[in-house]
């Protein structure tokens, strides 16, 4: 019999919308025509992922909280293009302003320094609106501007998301 696994937390770093921004994103999501099998993302889970960390040992969470506390320059993110990606992922793609790309890179370096694995594929900022969305009909491209002033460390547990800390 193997020993019990050490406790861990499923974490990611994201741009986390305020209530006004969340309502604007939900309105864009609701403008789509969804196929019956679509798994539409609930409004309280809409966000832009900066880095997905996966399972992090619970005893390392405080080090992560401290290690990703970086200064950032506020910026405007514009979510423009509704698309269905391969695999049936419906998204609202965003422009990639220099301040966002800089934040993404610096967070990646901080996570690397903490010994955490980061995705090194080109960054594609987006909000996931639905999964299993093959055949979804997106609305026209209506820009959704977002004044970004912070980012968050988020924990995912039991299908629910909770902001652990804003930076």
Protein backbone atom coordinates (compact mmCIF):
# COMPACT_ATOMS: atom_id res chain seq x y z
CA UNK A 1 0.00 0.00 0.00
CA UNK A 2 1.41 3.39 -1.00
CA UNK A 3 1.53 6.27 1.45
CA UNK A 4 -1.22 8.91 1.14
CA UNK A 5 -0.43 11.75 -1.24
CA UNK A 6 0.65 15.01 0.34
CA UNK A 7 -2.07 17.65 0.25
CA UNK A 8 -1.93 19.98 -2.72
CA UNK A 9 -3.88 22.85 -4.28
CA UNK A 10 -4.74 23.30 -7.97
CA UNK A 11 -3.63 26.84 -8.81
CA UNK A 12 -3.50 29.28 -11.68
CA UNK A 13 -2.64 32.95 -12.16
CA UNK A 14 -5.22 35.02 -14.01
CA UNK A 15 -6.68 38.36 -14.89
CA UNK A 16 -9.80 38.24 -12.75
CA UNK A 17 -12.68 40.52 -13.80
CA UNK A 18 -14.62 42.74 -11.45
CA UNK A 19 -18.43 42.56 -11.42
CA UNK A 20 -18.88 45.10 -14.24
CA UNK A 21 -16.35 43.38 -16.49
CA UNK A 22 -17.78 39.95 -15.67
CA UNK A 23 -21.24 41.16 -16.74
CA UNK A 24 -19.84 42.43 -20.06
CA UNK A 25 -18.10 39.08 -20.68
CA UNK A 26 -21.25 37.15 -19.78
CA UNK A 27 -23.26 39.30 -22.21
CA UNK A 28 -20.84 38.42 -25.02
CA UNK A 29 -21.04 34.74 -24.03
CA UNK A 30 -24.83 34.90 -24.08
CA UNK A 31 -24.83 36.35 -27.61
CA UNK A 32 -23.56 33.03 -29.04
CA UNK A 33 -25.82 30.29 -30.40
CA UNK A 34 -24.72 27.18 -28.49
CA UNK A 35 -25.20 23.57 -29.60
CA UNK A 36 -27.11 21.39 -27.11
CA UNK A 37 -23.94 19.61 -25.89
CA UNK A 38 -22.02 22.83 -25.17
CA UNK A 39 -20.65 23.20 -21.65
CA UNK A 40 -20.98 26.95 -21.21
CA UNK A 41 -18.66 28.49 -18.62
CA UNK A 42 -20.56 30.05 -15.71
CA UNK A 43 -20.13 33.81 -15.39
CA UNK A 44 -18.26 33.55 -12.08
CA UNK A 45 -15.52 31.51 -13.78
CA UNK A 46 -14.81 33.83 -16.73
CA UNK A 47 -11.18 35.01 -16.66
CA UNK A 48 -7.97 35.31 -18.70
CA UNK A 49 -5.37 32.75 -17.61
CA UNK A 50 -1.82 34.03 -17.35
CA UNK A 51 -0.24 30.76 -16.14
CA UNK A 52 -1.75 27.43 -15.14
CA UNK A 53 0.25 25.89 -12.29
CA UNK A 54 -1.68 22.68 -11.71
CA UNK A 55 -1.28 20.81 -8.44
CA UNK A 56 1.07 22.64 -6.06
CA UNK A 57 2.00 21.07 -2.72
CA UNK A 58 0.10 22.86 0.04
CA UNK A 59 3.32 23.61 1.90
CA UNK A 60 4.59 25.60 -1.14
CA UNK A 61 1.53 27.82 -1.60
CA UNK A 62 2.84 30.65 0.60
CA UNK A 63 6.12 30.70 -1.38
CA UNK A 64 4.10 30.94 -4.60
CA UNK A 65 1.99 33.78 -3.15
CA UNK A 66 5.13 35.71 -2.29
CA UNK A 67 7.12 34.73 -5.38
CA UNK A 68 4.58 36.06 -7.87
CA UNK A 69 4.02 39.41 -6.12
CA UNK A 70 5.31 41.58 -8.96
CA UNK A 71 4.71 45.21 -9.80
CA UNK A 72 2.59 45.71 -12.89
CA UNK A 73 1.67 48.53 -15.19
CA UNK A 74 -2.11 48.86 -15.65
CA UNK A 75 -3.25 48.38 -19.23
CA UNK A 76 -6.30 48.06 -21.43
CA UNK A 77 -7.05 44.60 -22.75
CA UNK A 78 -9.53 44.39 -25.60
CA UNK A 79 -11.32 41.10 -26.15
CA UNK A 80 -12.34 41.16 -29.81
CA UNK A 81 -12.58 37.93 -31.73
CA UNK A 82 -15.11 35.21 -30.97
CA UNK A 83 -13.72 31.89 -32.21
CA UNK A 84 -14.17 28.15 -31.84
CA UNK A 85 -10.74 26.56 -31.47
CA UNK A 86 -9.90 22.98 -32.43
CA UNK A 87 -11.33 20.61 -29.88
CA UNK A 88 -14.53 22.66 -29.61
CA UNK A 89 -13.26 25.35 -27.23
CA UNK A 90 -15.22 28.59 -27.72
CA UNK A 91 -13.20 31.67 -26.80
CA UNK A 92 -13.12 35.40 -26.98
CA UNK A 93 -9.59 36.25 -28.09
CA UNK A 94 -7.82 39.35 -26.84
CA UNK A 95 -5.26 41.71 -28.23
CA UNK A 96 -1.88 41.29 -26.56
CA UNK A 97 -0.74 44.73 -25.40
CA UNK A 98 2.95 45.02 -24.46
CA UNK A 99 2.16 45.45 -20.74
CA UNK A 100 0.24 42.13 -20.75
CA UNK A 101 3.03 40.29 -22.55
CA UNK A 102 5.58 41.78 -20.14
CA UNK A 103 3.51 40.65 -17.13
CA UNK A 104 3.13 37.15 -18.62
CA UNK A 105 6.89 36.83 -19.19
CA UNK A 106 7.86 38.17 -15.76
CA UNK A 107 5.38 35.87 -14.01
CA UNK A 108 6.77 32.95 -16.01
CA UNK A 109 10.29 33.79 -14.87
CA UNK A 110 9.12 34.06 -11.25
CA UNK A 111 7.40 30.67 -11.50
CA UNK A 112 10.50 29.14 -13.09
CA UNK A 113 12.56 30.52 -10.19
CA UNK A 114 10.15 28.76 -7.81
CA UNK A 115 10.77 25.49 -9.64
CA UNK A 116 7.25 25.37 -11.09
CA UNK A 117 6.60 24.23 -14.63
CA UNK A 118 5.22 26.82 -17.04
CA UNK A 119 3.85 26.47 -20.54
CA UNK A 120 6.39 27.81 -23.04
CA UNK A 121 4.06 27.84 -26.06
CA UNK A 122 3.25 31.28 -27.48
CA UNK A 123 0.80 33.07 -25.21
CA UNK A 124 -2.72 33.53 -26.62
CA UNK A 125 -4.75 35.68 -24.22
CA UNK A 126 -8.43 34.72 -24.25
CA UNK A 127 -11.51 34.06 -22.18
CA UNK A 128 -12.89 30.52 -22.50
CA UNK A 129 -16.66 30.76 -22.97
CA UNK A 130 -17.58 27.09 -23.49
CA UNK A 131 -16.23 23.61 -24.07
CA UNK A 132 -17.81 20.93 -26.31
CA UNK A 133 -18.85 23.85 -28.52
CA UNK A 134 -18.33 22.43 -32.01
CA UNK A 135 -21.01 23.98 -34.19
CA UNK A 136 -21.46 27.04 -31.99
CA UNK A 137 -22.32 30.17 -33.92
CA UNK A 138 -20.40 33.17 -32.64
CA UNK A 139 -21.85 36.67 -32.74
CA UNK A 140 -20.17 39.46 -34.65
CA UNK A 141 -16.97 40.84 -33.22
CA UNK A 142 -17.99 43.47 -30.67
CA UNK A 143 -14.96 44.61 -28.69
CA UNK A 144 -15.06 44.25 -24.92
CA UNK A 145 -12.57 46.67 -23.35
CA UNK A 146 -11.13 45.80 -19.94
CA UNK A 147 -9.07 48.16 -17.81
CA UNK A 148 -6.69 45.76 -16.06
CA UNK A 149 -5.27 46.97 -12.75
CA UNK A 150 -4.32 43.70 -11.09
CA UNK A 151 -3.98 39.94 -11.43
CA UNK A 152 -4.87 37.10 -9.09
CA UNK A 153 -3.70 33.77 -7.73
CA UNK A 154 -6.71 31.48 -8.00
CA UNK A 155 -7.41 28.05 -6.51
CA UNK A 156 -9.63 25.53 -8.26
CA UNK A 157 -11.33 22.96 -6.03
CA UNK A 158 -14.35 20.80 -6.71
CA UNK A 159 -15.20 22.72 -9.87
CA UNK A 160 -15.24 26.06 -8.02
CA UNK A 161 -12.73 28.91 -8.34
CA UNK A 162 -11.68 31.21 -5.50
CA UNK A 163 -9.29 34.13 -5.61
CA UNK A 164 -6.58 33.51 -3.02
CA UNK A 165 -4.83 36.83 -3.50
CA UNK A 166 -4.90 39.86 -5.80
CA UNK A 167 -1.70 41.64 -6.78
